[in-house]
Amino acid sequence: MNQEIKPNGVYTTSEAQQLLKISSSTMKRLFKKGLIKANKVGGSYRILGKEILRMVSPELEKKAIKSYLDLKEKVVNKINKW
């Protein structure tokens, strides 16, 4: 099932999880780390479609890869000093 994500659409956390194909614990980590923005309405979170689209964008992936490679370089340098 391919569902189009509408940038201005409003999604529940379970809808966002289904669209991103992630678990609820992963969704909580994304909220906690500030990687996805949501607004609390009543007792539930609502996520704009543009936030979901941003999560799967190539720019975010490039940023994550760069962050990983920077961290890897620091670890390798630290190990090599031993």
C-alpha atoms as a PDB file:
ATOM      1  CA  MET A   1       0.000   0.000   0.000  1.00  0.00           C
ATOM      2  CA  ASN A   2       1.565   3.248  -1.141  1.00  0.00           C
ATOM      3  CA  GLN A   3      -0.023   6.237   0.483  1.00  0.00           C
ATOM      4  CA  GLU A   4       0.833   9.764  -0.560  1.00  0.00           C
ATOM      5  CA  ILE A   5       2.059  11.899   2.319  1.00  0.00           C
ATOM      6  CA  LYS A   6       0.473  15.330   2.132  1.00  0.00           C
ATOM      7  CA  PRO A   7       2.888  18.063   3.344  1.00  0.00           C
ATOM      8  CA  ASN A   8       0.080  20.008   5.048  1.00  0.00           C
ATOM      9  CA  GLY A   9      -1.739  16.906   6.271  1.00  0.00           C
ATOM     10  CA  VAL A  10      -1.948  16.175   9.993  1.00  0.00           C
ATOM     11  CA  TYR A  11      -1.069  12.657  11.123  1.00  0.00           C
ATOM     12  CA  THR A  12      -1.319  10.750  14.381  1.00  0.00           C
ATOM     13  CA  THR A  13       1.765   9.019  15.770  1.00  0.00           C
ATOM     14  CA  SER A  14       0.447   5.613  14.659  1.00  0.00           C
ATOM     15  CA  GLU A  15      -0.192   6.906  11.135  1.00  0.00           C
ATOM     16  CA  ALA A  16       3.312   8.395  11.024  1.00  0.00           C
ATOM     17  CA  GLN A  17       4.779   5.105  12.297  1.00  0.00           C
ATOM     18  CA  GLN A  18       2.998   3.194   9.540  1.00  0.00           C
ATOM     19  CA  LEU A  19       4.146   5.640   6.871  1.00  0.00           C
ATOM     20  CA  LEU A  20       7.758   5.543   8.088  1.00  0.00           C
ATOM     21  CA  LYS A  21       7.543   1.797   8.816  1.00  0.00           C
ATOM     22  CA  ILE A  22       9.003   2.189  12.298  1.00  0.00           C
ATOM     23  CA  SER A  23       8.124   0.908  15.769  1.00  0.00           C
ATOM     24  CA  SER A  24       6.590   2.990  18.544  1.00  0.00           C
ATOM     25  CA  SER A  25       9.888   2.911  20.465  1.00  0.00           C
ATOM     26  CA  THR A  26      11.718   4.315  17.422  1.00  0.00           C
ATOM     27  CA  MET A  27       9.052   7.005  17.116  1.00  0.00           C
ATOM     28  CA  LYS A  28       9.582   7.953  20.774  1.00  0.00           C
ATOM     29  CA  ARG A  29      13.339   8.196  20.200  1.00  0.00           C
ATOM     30  CA  LEU A  30      12.778  10.490  17.216  1.00  0.00           C
ATOM     31  CA  PHE A  31      10.596  12.756  19.386  1.00  0.00           C
ATOM     32  CA  LYS A  32      13.051  12.699  22.292  1.00  0.00           C
ATOM     33  CA  LYS A  33      16.056  13.538  20.093  1.00  0.00           C
ATOM     34  CA  GLY A  34      14.113  16.276  18.324  1.00  0.00           C
ATOM     35  CA  LEU A  35      14.506  14.599  14.940  1.00  0.00           C
ATOM     36  CA  ILE A  36      10.814  14.899  14.234  1.00  0.00           C
ATOM     37  CA  LYS A  37       8.625  17.740  15.460  1.00  0.00           C
ATOM     38  CA  ALA A  38       5.129  17.190  16.764  1.00  0.00           C
ATOM     39  CA  ASN A  39       2.462  19.187  18.546  1.00  0.00           C
ATOM     40  CA  LYS A  40       0.498  17.835  21.454  1.00  0.00           C
ATOM     41  CA  VAL A  41      -3.236  18.195  20.968  1.00  0.00           C
ATOM     42  CA  GLY A  42      -5.212  17.084  23.991  1.00  0.00           C
ATOM     43  CA  GLY A  43      -3.321  14.027  25.153  1.00  0.00           C
ATOM     44  CA  SER A  44      -2.029  12.956  21.731  1.00  0.00           C
ATOM     45  CA  TYR A  45       0.711  14.099  19.396  1.00  0.00           C
ATOM     46  CA  ARG A  46       0.007  15.298  15.861  1.00  0.00           C
ATOM     47  CA  ILE A  47       2.676  15.418  13.169  1.00  0.00           C
ATOM     48  CA  LEU A  48       2.587  17.513  10.023  1.00  0.00           C
ATOM     49  CA  GLY A  49       3.151  15.644   6.781  1.00  0.00           C
ATOM     50  CA  LYS A  50       6.139  17.843   5.954  1.00  0.00           C
ATOM     51  CA  GLU A  51       7.893  16.478   9.072  1.00  0.00           C
ATOM     52  CA  ILE A  52       7.332  12.914   7.870  1.00  0.00           C
ATOM     53  CA  LEU A  53       8.565  13.818   4.385  1.00  0.00           C
ATOM     54  CA  ARG A  54      11.635  15.488   5.897  1.00  0.00           C
ATOM     55  CA  MET A  55      12.497  12.237   7.679  1.00  0.00           C
ATOM     56  CA  VAL A  56      12.795  10.385   4.387  1.00  0.00           C
ATOM     57  CA  SER A  57      14.491  13.174   2.470  1.00  0.00           C
ATOM     58  CA  PRO A  58      17.933  12.696   0.916  1.00  0.00           C
ATOM     59  CA  GLU A  59      19.204  15.799   2.747  1.00  0.00           C
ATOM     60  CA  LEU A  60      18.508  14.245   6.146  1.00  0.00           C
ATOM     61  CA  GLU A  61      20.120  11.002   5.056  1.00  0.00           C
ATOM     62  CA  LYS A  62      23.247  12.889   3.934  1.00  0.00           C
ATOM     63  CA  LYS A  63      23.350  14.669   7.285  1.00  0.00           C
ATOM     64  CA  ALA A  64      23.051  11.370   9.157  1.00  0.00           C
ATOM     65  CA  ILE A  65      25.829   9.786   7.064  1.00  0.00           C
ATOM     66  CA  LYS A  66      28.105  12.785   7.626  1.00  0.00           C
ATOM     67  CA  SER A  67      27.423  12.636  11.376  1.00  0.00           C
ATOM     68  CA  TYR A  68      28.221   8.906  11.421  1.00  0.00           C
ATOM     69  CA  LEU A  69      31.443   9.344   9.426  1.00  0.00           C
ATOM     70  CA  ASP A  70      32.593  12.209  11.682  1.00  0.00           C
ATOM     71  CA  LEU A  71      31.982  10.081  14.765  1.00  0.00           C
ATOM     72  CA  LYS A  72      33.706   7.094  13.176  1.00  0.00           C
ATOM     73  CA  GLU A  73      36.762   9.235  12.365  1.00  0.00           C
ATOM     74  CA  LYS A  74      36.972  10.461  15.964  1.00  0.00           C
ATOM     75  CA  VAL A  75      36.765   6.892  17.297  1.00  0.00           C
ATOM     76  CA  VAL A  76      39.407   5.631  14.849  1.00  0.00           C
ATOM     77  CA  ASN A  77      41.724   8.520  15.741  1.00  0.00           C
ATOM     78  CA  LYS A  78      41.250   7.823  19.447  1.00  0.00           C
ATOM     79  CA  ILE A  79      41.983   4.117  18.977  1.00  0.00           C
ATOM     80  CA  ASN A  80      45.060   4.826  16.845  1.00  0.00           C
ATOM     81  CA  LYS A  81      46.490   7.013  19.637  1.00  0.00           C
ATOM     82  CA  TRP A  82      46.479   4.025  21.983  1.00  0.00           C
END
